[in-house]
Amino acid sequence: MDVFIPNSFTPNGDGKNDRFRVLPYENYKLLKFLIYNRWGAVVYNSKDLYNGWDGNVNGQPQQTGTYIYYLELQNKDGKKVVKQGQLVLLR
């Protein structure tokens, strides 16, 4: 699958790597994009491919640490593709 999924991001407001987002190289439709904290609570939920998570929940910066992402995409042939893994938020 041609999707770039970074393993970390740094939401520090410098304009570089401030949001965690996935970048599909082909015409994929985002069906579901969830990020969970270490206790299993959803901290980000979106179907917007380009916005991404800014490291905040309800305007509050989240702690540096490891989070889990869950991603469902649909390729141009209609096949559903699921990806999941870890990401690191660095402050």
PDB file of N, CA and C in Angstrom:
ATOM      1  N   MET A   1       0.852  -1.179   0.000  1.00  0.00           N
ATOM      2  CA  MET A   1       0.000   0.000   0.000  1.00  0.00           C
ATOM      3  C   MET A   1       0.891   1.232   0.000  1.00  0.00           C
ATOM      4  N   ASP A   2       0.509   2.202  -0.766  1.00  0.00           N
ATOM      5  CA  ASP A   2       1.297   3.423  -0.887  1.00  0.00           C
ATOM      6  C   ASP A   2       0.755   4.520   0.028  1.00  0.00           C
ATOM      7  N   VAL A   3       1.060   4.394   1.307  1.00  0.00           N
ATOM      8  CA  VAL A   3       0.657   5.394   2.300  1.00  0.00           C
ATOM      9  C   VAL A   3       1.861   5.674   3.187  1.00  0.00           C
ATOM     10  N   PHE A   4       2.180   6.954   3.361  1.00  0.00           N
ATOM     11  CA  PHE A   4       3.250   7.331   4.287  1.00  0.00           C
ATOM     12  C   PHE A   4       2.631   7.606   5.643  1.00  0.00           C
ATOM     13  N   ILE A   5       3.085   6.878   6.661  1.00  0.00           N
ATOM     14  CA  ILE A   5       2.618   7.077   8.025  1.00  0.00           C
ATOM     15  C   ILE A   5       3.833   7.375   8.885  1.00  0.00           C
ATOM     16  N   PRO A   6       3.965   8.623   9.330  1.00  0.00           N
ATOM     17  CA  PRO A   6       5.129   8.956  10.165  1.00  0.00           C
ATOM     18  C   PRO A   6       5.047   8.248  11.513  1.00  0.00           C
ATOM     19  N   ASN A   7       6.166   8.154  12.218  1.00  0.00           N
ATOM     20  CA  ASN A   7       6.147   7.502  13.521  1.00  0.00           C
ATOM     21  C   ASN A   7       6.199   8.491  14.682  1.00  0.00           C
ATOM     22  N   SER A   8       6.329   9.793  14.361  1.00  0.00           N
ATOM     23  CA  SER A   8       6.341  10.807  15.419  1.00  0.00           C
ATOM     24  C   SER A   8       5.967  12.167  14.836  1.00  0.00           C
ATOM     25  N   PHE A   9       5.656  13.104  15.734  1.00  0.00           N
ATOM     26  CA  PHE A   9       5.413  14.491  15.332  1.00  0.00           C
ATOM     27  C   PHE A   9       5.695  15.409  16.506  1.00  0.00           C
ATOM     28  N   THR A  10       5.902  16.685  16.186  1.00  0.00           N
ATOM     29  CA  THR A  10       6.314  17.669  17.200  1.00  0.00           C
ATOM     30  C   THR A  10       5.414  18.908  17.121  1.00  0.00           C
ATOM     31  N   PRO A  11       4.275  18.886  17.804  1.00  0.00           N
ATOM     32  CA  PRO A  11       3.351  20.023  17.740  1.00  0.00           C
ATOM     33  C   PRO A  11       3.816  21.205  18.590  1.00  0.00           C
ATOM     34  N   ASN A  12       4.858  21.886  18.129  1.00  0.00           N
ATOM     35  CA  ASN A  12       5.418  22.993  18.902  1.00  0.00           C
ATOM     36  C   ASN A  12       5.207  24.352  18.250  1.00  0.00           C
ATOM     37  N   GLY A  13       4.419  24.400  17.161  1.00  0.00           N
ATOM     38  CA  GLY A  13       4.079  25.676  16.546  1.00  0.00           C
ATOM     39  C   GLY A  13       5.133  26.261  15.630  1.00  0.00           C
ATOM     40  N   ASP A  14       6.149  25.483  15.264  1.00  0.00           N
ATOM     41  CA  ASP A  14       7.196  26.018  14.387  1.00  0.00           C
ATOM     42  C   ASP A  14       6.869  25.869  12.903  1.00  0.00           C
ATOM     43  N   GLY A  15       5.699  25.296  12.597  1.00  0.00           N
ATOM     44  CA  GLY A  15       5.290  25.133  11.205  1.00  0.00           C
ATOM     45  C   GLY A  15       5.867  23.897  10.530  1.00  0.00           C
ATOM     46  N   LYS A  16       6.616  23.100  11.267  1.00  0.00           N
ATOM     47  CA  LYS A  16       7.212  21.877  10.729  1.00  0.00           C
ATOM     48  C   LYS A  16       6.751  20.692  11.563  1.00  0.00           C
ATOM     49  N   ASN A  17       6.087  19.747  10.920  1.00  0.00           N
ATOM     50  CA  ASN A  17       5.695  18.509  11.593  1.00  0.00           C
ATOM     51  C   ASN A  17       4.804  18.773  12.817  1.00  0.00           C
ATOM     52  N   ASP A  18       3.925  19.793  12.721  1.00  0.00           N
ATOM     53  CA  ASP A  18       3.060  20.165  13.846  1.00  0.00           C
ATOM     54  C   ASP A  18       1.792  19.320  13.960  1.00  0.00           C
ATOM     55  N   ARG A  19       1.478  18.543  12.932  1.00  0.00           N
ATOM     56  CA  ARG A  19       0.278  17.705  12.942  1.00  0.00           C
ATOM     57  C   ARG A  19       0.644  16.287  12.532  1.00  0.00           C
ATOM     58  N   PHE A  20      -0.018  15.318  13.171  1.00  0.00           N
ATOM     59  CA  PHE A  20       0.142  13.928  12.763  1.00  0.00           C
ATOM     60  C   PHE A  20      -0.914  13.633  11.714  1.00  0.00           C
ATOM     61  N   ARG A  21      -0.460  13.314  10.526  1.00  0.00           N
ATOM     62  CA  ARG A  21      -1.383  12.956   9.450  1.00  0.00           C
ATOM     63  C   ARG A  21      -0.737  11.915   8.561  1.00  0.00           C
ATOM     64  N   VAL A  22      -1.592  11.182   7.865  1.00  0.00           N
ATOM     65  CA  VAL A  22      -1.127  10.170   6.923  1.00  0.00           C
ATOM     66  C   VAL A  22      -1.248  10.740   5.518  1.00  0.00           C
ATOM     67  N   LEU A  23      -0.358  10.310   4.661  1.00  0.00           N
ATOM     68  CA  LEU A  23      -0.329  10.840   3.301  1.00  0.00           C
ATOM     69  C   LEU A  23      -0.387   9.703   2.295  1.00  0.00           C
ATOM     70  N   PRO A  24      -1.578   9.385   1.784  1.00  0.00           N
ATOM     71  CA  PRO A  24      -1.667   8.359   0.741  1.00  0.00           C
ATOM     72  C   PRO A  24      -1.135   8.902  -0.583  1.00  0.00           C
ATOM     73  N   TYR A  25      -0.397   8.079  -1.308  1.00  0.00           N
ATOM     74  CA  TYR A  25       0.193   8.490  -2.566  1.00  0.00           C
ATOM     75  C   TYR A  25      -0.749   8.327  -3.745  1.00  0.00           C
ATOM     76  N   GLU A  26      -1.799   7.543  -3.594  1.00  0.00           N
ATOM     77  CA  GLU A  26      -2.766   7.345  -4.672  1.00  0.00           C
ATOM     78  C   GLU A  26      -4.124   7.853  -4.223  1.00  0.00           C
ATOM     79  N   ASN A  27      -5.128   7.552  -4.988  1.00  0.00           N
ATOM     80  CA  ASN A  27      -6.484   8.031  -4.695  1.00  0.00           C
ATOM     81  C   ASN A  27      -7.161   7.142  -3.655  1.00  0.00           C
ATOM     82  N   TYR A  28      -6.824   7.326  -2.397  1.00  0.00           N
ATOM     83  CA  TYR A  28      -7.454   6.608  -1.307  1.00  0.00           C
ATOM     84  C   TYR A  28      -8.465   7.517  -0.630  1.00  0.00           C
ATOM     85  N   LYS A  29      -9.553   6.923  -0.209  1.00  0.00           N
ATOM     86  CA  LYS A  29     -10.561   7.642   0.570  1.00  0.00           C
ATOM     87  C   LYS A  29     -10.383   7.249   2.029  1.00  0.00           C
ATOM     88  N   LEU A  30     -10.329   8.246   2.906  1.00  0.00           N
ATOM     89  CA  LEU A  30     -10.196   7.982   4.333  1.00  0.00           C
ATOM     90  C   LEU A  30     -11.566   7.649   4.904  1.00  0.00           C
ATOM     91  N   LEU A  31     -11.694   6.461   5.470  1.00  0.00           N
ATOM     92  CA  LEU A  31     -12.952   6.037   6.076  1.00  0.00           C
ATOM     93  C   LEU A  31     -12.970   6.302   7.579  1.00  0.00           C
ATOM     94  N   LYS A  32     -11.819   6.090   8.222  1.00  0.00           N
ATOM     95  CA  LYS A  32     -11.750   6.250   9.671  1.00  0.00           C
ATOM     96  C   LYS A  32     -10.299   6.516  10.068  1.00  0.00           C
ATOM     97  N   PHE A  33     -10.108   7.478  10.970  1.00  0.00           N
ATOM     98  CA  PHE A  33      -8.783   7.797  11.483  1.00  0.00           C
ATOM     99  C   PHE A  33      -8.941   8.103  12.962  1.00  0.00           C
ATOM    100  N   LEU A  34      -8.456   7.201  13.792  1.00  0.00           N
ATOM    101  CA  LEU A  34      -8.573   7.337  15.247  1.00  0.00           C
ATOM    102  C   LEU A  34      -7.192   7.329  15.884  1.00  0.00           C
ATOM    103  N   ILE A  35      -7.039   8.101  16.943  1.00  0.00           N
ATOM    104  CA  ILE A  35      -5.832   8.061  17.754  1.00  0.00           C
ATOM    105  C   ILE A  35      -6.267   7.873  19.207  1.00  0.00           C
ATOM    106  N   TYR A  36      -5.606   6.925  19.880  1.00  0.00           N
ATOM    107  CA  TYR A  36      -5.921   6.578  21.257  1.00  0.00           C
ATOM    108  C   TYR A  36      -4.745   6.919  22.161  1.00  0.00           C
ATOM    109  N   ASN A  37      -5.058   7.313  23.397  1.00  0.00           N
ATOM    110  CA  ASN A  37      -3.991   7.506  24.374  1.00  0.00           C
ATOM    111  C   ASN A  37      -3.668   6.174  25.037  1.00  0.00           C
ATOM    112  N   ARG A  38      -2.767   6.173  25.993  1.00  0.00           N
ATOM    113  CA  ARG A  38      -2.313   4.919  26.613  1.00  0.00           C
ATOM    114  C   ARG A  38      -3.391   4.220  27.425  1.00  0.00           C
ATOM    115  N   TRP A  39      -4.469   4.930  27.780  1.00  0.00           N
ATOM    116  CA  TRP A  39      -5.565   4.331  28.536  1.00  0.00           C
ATOM    117  C   TRP A  39      -6.707   3.877  27.632  1.00  0.00           C
ATOM    118  N   GLY A  40      -6.544   3.998  26.327  1.00  0.00           N
ATOM    119  CA  GLY A  40      -7.549   3.534  25.386  1.00  0.00           C
ATOM    120  C   GLY A  40      -8.624   4.547  25.052  1.00  0.00           C
ATOM    121  N   ALA A  41      -8.495   5.771  25.529  1.00  0.00           N
ATOM    122  CA  ALA A  41      -9.471   6.816  25.214  1.00  0.00           C
ATOM    123  C   ALA A  41      -9.133   7.425  23.854  1.00  0.00           C
ATOM    124  N   VAL A  42     -10.166   7.681  23.058  1.00  0.00           N
ATOM    125  CA  VAL A  42      -9.967   8.311  21.759  1.00  0.00           C
ATOM    126  C   VAL A  42      -9.629   9.782  21.969  1.00  0.00           C
ATOM    127  N   VAL A  43      -8.492  10.221  21.436  1.00  0.00           N
ATOM    128  CA  VAL A  43      -8.089  11.620  21.548  1.00  0.00           C
ATOM    129  C   VAL A  43      -8.234  12.357  20.217  1.00  0.00           C
ATOM    130  N   TYR A  44      -8.441  11.592  19.137  1.00  0.00           N
ATOM    131  CA  TYR A  44      -8.642  12.204  17.815  1.00  0.00           C
ATOM    132  C   TYR A  44      -9.465  11.257  16.971  1.00  0.00           C
ATOM    133  N   ASN A  45     -10.440  11.820  16.256  1.00  0.00           N
ATOM    134  CA  ASN A  45     -11.324  11.043  15.400  1.00  0.00           C
ATOM    135  C   ASN A  45     -11.682  11.909  14.209  1.00  0.00           C
ATOM    136  N   SER A  46     -11.376  11.436  12.995  1.00  0.00           N
ATOM    137  CA  SER A  46     -11.619  12.269  11.824  1.00  0.00           C
ATOM    138  C   SER A  46     -11.774  11.429  10.568  1.00  0.00           C
ATOM    139  N   LYS A  47     -12.389  12.021   9.576  1.00  0.00           N
ATOM    140  CA  LYS A  47     -12.434  11.467   8.223  1.00  0.00           C
ATOM    141  C   LYS A  47     -11.776  12.439   7.251  1.00  0.00           C
ATOM    142  N   ASP A  48     -11.139  13.477   7.794  1.00  0.00           N
ATOM    143  CA  ASP A  48     -10.460  14.485   6.986  1.00  0.00           C
ATOM    144  C   ASP A  48      -9.017  14.042   6.753  1.00  0.00           C
ATOM    145  N   LEU A  49      -8.692  13.767   5.523  1.00  0.00           N
ATOM    146  CA  LEU A  49      -7.377  13.253   5.163  1.00  0.00           C
ATOM    147  C   LEU A  49      -6.266  14.270   5.366  1.00  0.00           C
ATOM    148  N   TYR A  50      -6.572  15.543   5.288  1.00  0.00           N
ATOM    149  CA  TYR A  50      -5.524  16.562   5.260  1.00  0.00           C
ATOM    150  C   TYR A  50      -5.322  17.321   6.567  1.00  0.00           C
ATOM    151  N   ASN A  51      -6.297  17.322   7.462  1.00  0.00           N
ATOM    152  CA  ASN A  51      -6.187  18.113   8.683  1.00  0.00           C
ATOM    153  C   ASN A  51      -5.161  17.535   9.649  1.00  0.00           C
ATOM    154  N   GLY A  52      -5.358  16.339  10.129  1.00  0.00           N
ATOM    155  CA  GLY A  52      -4.439  15.712  11.063  1.00  0.00           C
ATOM    156  C   GLY A  52      -4.619  16.177  12.492  1.00  0.00           C
ATOM    157  N   TRP A  53      -3.998  15.437  13.416  1.00  0.00           N
ATOM    158  CA  TRP A  53      -4.094  15.724  14.844  1.00  0.00           C
ATOM    159  C   TRP A  53      -3.026  16.719  15.254  1.00  0.00           C
ATOM    160  N   ASP A  54      -3.419  17.739  16.001  1.00  0.00           N
ATOM    161  CA  ASP A  54      -2.488  18.790  16.428  1.00  0.00           C
ATOM    162  C   ASP A  54      -1.889  18.548  17.825  1.00  0.00           C
ATOM    163  N   GLY A  55      -2.171  17.396  18.408  1.00  0.00           N
ATOM    164  CA  GLY A  55      -1.615  17.076  19.721  1.00  0.00           C
ATOM    165  C   GLY A  55      -2.422  17.601  20.886  1.00  0.00           C
ATOM    166  N   ASN A  56      -3.615  18.156  20.607  1.00  0.00           N
ATOM    167  CA  ASN A  56      -4.480  18.694  21.653  1.00  0.00           C
ATOM    168  C   ASN A  56      -5.784  17.915  21.742  1.00  0.00           C
ATOM    169  N   VAL A  57      -6.388  17.962  22.913  1.00  0.00           N
ATOM    170  CA  VAL A  57      -7.735  17.436  23.117  1.00  0.00           C
ATOM    171  C   VAL A  57      -8.522  18.518  23.832  1.00  0.00           C
ATOM    172  N   ASN A  58      -9.604  18.962  23.217  1.00  0.00           N
ATOM    173  CA  ASN A  58     -10.416  20.051  23.766  1.00  0.00           C
ATOM    174  C   ASN A  58      -9.564  21.276  24.093  1.00  0.00           C
ATOM    175  N   GLY A  59      -8.591  21.564  23.222  1.00  0.00           N
ATOM    176  CA  GLY A  59      -7.733  22.724  23.398  1.00  0.00           C
ATOM    177  C   GLY A  59      -6.597  22.542  24.380  1.00  0.00           C
ATOM    178  N   GLN A  60      -6.497  21.381  24.997  1.00  0.00           N
ATOM    179  CA  GLN A  60      -5.449  21.121  25.987  1.00  0.00           C
ATOM    180  C   GLN A  60      -4.335  20.274  25.376  1.00  0.00           C
ATOM    181  N   PRO A  61      -3.091  20.743  25.456  1.00  0.00           N
ATOM    182  CA  PRO A  61      -1.970  19.957  24.938  1.00  0.00           C
ATOM    183  C   PRO A  61      -1.862  18.613  25.654  1.00  0.00           C
ATOM    184  N   GLN A  62      -1.655  17.568  24.881  1.00  0.00           N
ATOM    185  CA  GLN A  62      -1.494  16.233  25.454  1.00  0.00           C
ATOM    186  C   GLN A  62      -0.032  15.973  25.782  1.00  0.00           C
ATOM    187  N   GLN A  63       0.183  15.021  26.669  1.00  0.00           N
ATOM    188  CA  GLN A  63       1.516  14.717  27.160  1.00  0.00           C
ATOM    189  C   GLN A  63       2.395  14.104  26.076  1.00  0.00           C
ATOM    190  N   THR A  64       3.690  14.346  26.187  1.00  0.00           N
ATOM    191  CA  THR A  64       4.661  13.628  25.376  1.00  0.00           C
ATOM    192  C   THR A  64       4.498  12.146  25.663  1.00  0.00           C
ATOM    193  N   GLY A  65       4.565  11.347  24.618  1.00  0.00           N
ATOM    194  CA  GLY A  65       4.450   9.912  24.837  1.00  0.00           C
ATOM    195  C   GLY A  65       3.989   9.177  23.602  1.00  0.00           C
ATOM    196  N   THR A  66       3.681   7.911  23.800  1.00  0.00           N
ATOM    197  CA  THR A  66       3.272   7.025  22.721  1.00  0.00           C
ATOM    198  C   THR A  66       1.756   6.940  22.661  1.00  0.00           C
ATOM    199  N   TYR A  67       1.235   7.012  21.451  1.00  0.00           N
ATOM    200  CA  TYR A  67      -0.192   6.912  21.170  1.00  0.00           C
ATOM    201  C   TYR A  67      -0.387   5.840  20.100  1.00  0.00           C
ATOM    202  N   ILE A  68      -1.604   5.369  19.964  1.00  0.00           N
ATOM    203  CA  ILE A  68      -1.930   4.344  18.978  1.00  0.00           C
ATOM    204  C   ILE A  68      -2.824   4.954  17.913  1.00  0.00           C
ATOM    205  N   TYR A  69      -2.539   4.662  16.642  1.00  0.00           N
ATOM    206  CA  TYR A  69      -3.426   5.107  15.568  1.00  0.00           C
ATOM    207  C   TYR A  69      -4.108   3.905  14.929  1.00  0.00           C
ATOM    208  N   TYR A  70      -5.313   4.133  14.447  1.00  0.00           N
ATOM    209  CA  TYR A  70      -6.087   3.139  13.708  1.00  0.00           C
ATOM    210  C   TYR A  70      -6.620   3.844  12.476  1.00  0.00           C
ATOM    211  N   LEU A  71      -6.384   3.264  11.327  1.00  0.00           N
ATOM    212  CA  LEU A  71      -6.675   3.915  10.063  1.00  0.00           C
ATOM    213  C   LEU A  71      -7.394   2.951   9.136  1.00  0.00           C
ATOM    214  N   GLU A  72      -8.514   3.388   8.553  1.00  0.00           N
ATOM    215  CA  GLU A  72      -9.204   2.627   7.514  1.00  0.00           C
ATOM    216  C   GLU A  72      -9.266   3.484   6.265  1.00  0.00           C
ATOM    217  N   LEU A  73      -8.786   2.922   5.165  1.00  0.00           N
ATOM    218  CA  LEU A  73      -8.792   3.593   3.870  1.00  0.00           C
ATOM    219  C   LEU A  73      -9.505   2.704   2.857  1.00  0.00           C
ATOM    220  N   GLN A  74      -9.971   3.328   1.802  1.00  0.00           N
ATOM    221  CA  GLN A  74     -10.549   2.582   0.687  1.00  0.00           C
ATOM    222  C   GLN A  74      -9.786   2.980  -0.564  1.00  0.00           C
ATOM    223  N   ASN A  75      -9.255   1.974  -1.276  1.00  0.00           N
ATOM    224  CA  ASN A  75      -8.499   2.302  -2.478  1.00  0.00           C
ATOM    225  C   ASN A  75      -9.436   2.544  -3.653  1.00  0.00           C
ATOM    226  N   LYS A  76      -8.879   2.894  -4.796  1.00  0.00           N
ATOM    227  CA  LYS A  76      -9.698   3.248  -5.955  1.00  0.00           C
ATOM    228  C   LYS A  76     -10.507   2.077  -6.486  1.00  0.00           C
ATOM    229  N   ASP A  77     -10.134   0.836  -6.108  1.00  0.00           N
ATOM    230  CA  ASP A  77     -10.885  -0.350  -6.519  1.00  0.00           C
ATOM    231  C   ASP A  77     -11.960  -0.738  -5.516  1.00  0.00           C
ATOM    232  N   GLY A  78     -12.099   0.050  -4.440  1.00  0.00           N
ATOM    233  CA  GLY A  78     -13.115  -0.210  -3.430  1.00  0.00           C
ATOM    234  C   GLY A  78     -12.658  -1.127  -2.312  1.00  0.00           C
ATOM    235  N   LYS A  79     -11.411  -1.572  -2.326  1.00  0.00           N
ATOM    236  CA  LYS A  79     -10.897  -2.463  -1.288  1.00  0.00           C
ATOM    237  C   LYS A  79     -10.569  -1.663  -0.027  1.00  0.00           C
ATOM    238  N   LYS A  80     -11.048  -2.168   1.115  1.00  0.00           N
ATOM    239  CA  LYS A  80     -10.775  -1.527   2.395  1.00  0.00           C
ATOM    240  C   LYS A  80      -9.415  -1.991   2.905  1.00  0.00           C
ATOM    241  N   VAL A  81      -8.607  -1.027   3.346  1.00  0.00           N
ATOM    242  CA  VAL A  81      -7.266  -1.293   3.859  1.00  0.00           C
ATOM    243  C   VAL A  81      -7.198  -0.749   5.275  1.00  0.00           C
ATOM    244  N   VAL A  82      -6.730  -1.567   6.219  1.00  0.00           N
ATOM    245  CA  VAL A  82      -6.616  -1.168   7.623  1.00  0.00           C
ATOM    246  C   VAL A  82      -5.143  -1.118   8.014  1.00  0.00           C
ATOM    247  N   LYS A  83      -4.768  -0.043   8.656  1.00  0.00           N
ATOM    248  CA  LYS A  83      -3.418   0.110   9.195  1.00  0.00           C
ATOM    249  C   LYS A  83      -3.544   0.553  10.639  1.00  0.00           C
ATOM    250  N   GLN A  84      -2.668   0.049  11.494  1.00  0.00           N
ATOM    251  CA  GLN A  84      -2.621   0.498  12.877  1.00  0.00           C
ATOM    252  C   GLN A  84      -1.191   0.408  13.372  1.00  0.00           C
ATOM    253  N   GLY A  85      -0.884   1.227  14.343  1.00  0.00           N
ATOM    254  CA  GLY A  85       0.471   1.240  14.869  1.00  0.00           C
ATOM    255  C   GLY A  85       0.637   2.292  15.938  1.00  0.00           C
ATOM    256  N   GLN A  86       1.880   2.568  16.263  1.00  0.00           N
ATOM    257  CA  GLN A  86       2.200   3.529  17.311  1.00  0.00           C
ATOM    258  C   GLN A  86       2.780   4.803  16.712  1.00  0.00           C
ATOM    259  N   LEU A  87       2.565   5.902  17.412  1.00  0.00           N
ATOM    260  CA  LEU A  87       3.180   7.173  17.058  1.00  0.00           C
ATOM    261  C   LEU A  87       3.662   7.809  18.355  1.00  0.00           C
ATOM    262  N   VAL A  88       4.637   8.677  18.228  1.00  0.00           N
ATOM    263  CA  VAL A  88       5.189   9.364  19.391  1.00  0.00           C
ATOM    264  C   VAL A  88       4.948  10.853  19.253  1.00  0.00           C
ATOM    265  N   LEU A  89       4.344  11.436  20.278  1.00  0.00           N
ATOM    266  CA  LEU A  89       4.163  12.881  20.354  1.00  0.00           C
ATOM    267  C   LEU A  89       5.355  13.421  21.167  1.00  0.00           C
ATOM    268  N   LEU A  90       6.099  14.328  20.550  1.00  0.00           N
ATOM    269  CA  LEU A  90       7.272  14.929  21.190  1.00  0.00           C
ATOM    270  C   LEU A  90       7.036  16.414  21.407  1.00  0.00           C
ATOM    271  N   ARG A  91       7.283  16.907  22.584  1.00  0.00           N
ATOM    272  CA  ARG A  91       7.136  18.347  22.864  1.00  0.00           C
ATOM    273  C   ARG A  91       8.473  18.938  23.220  1.00  0.00           C
TER     274      ARG A  91
END
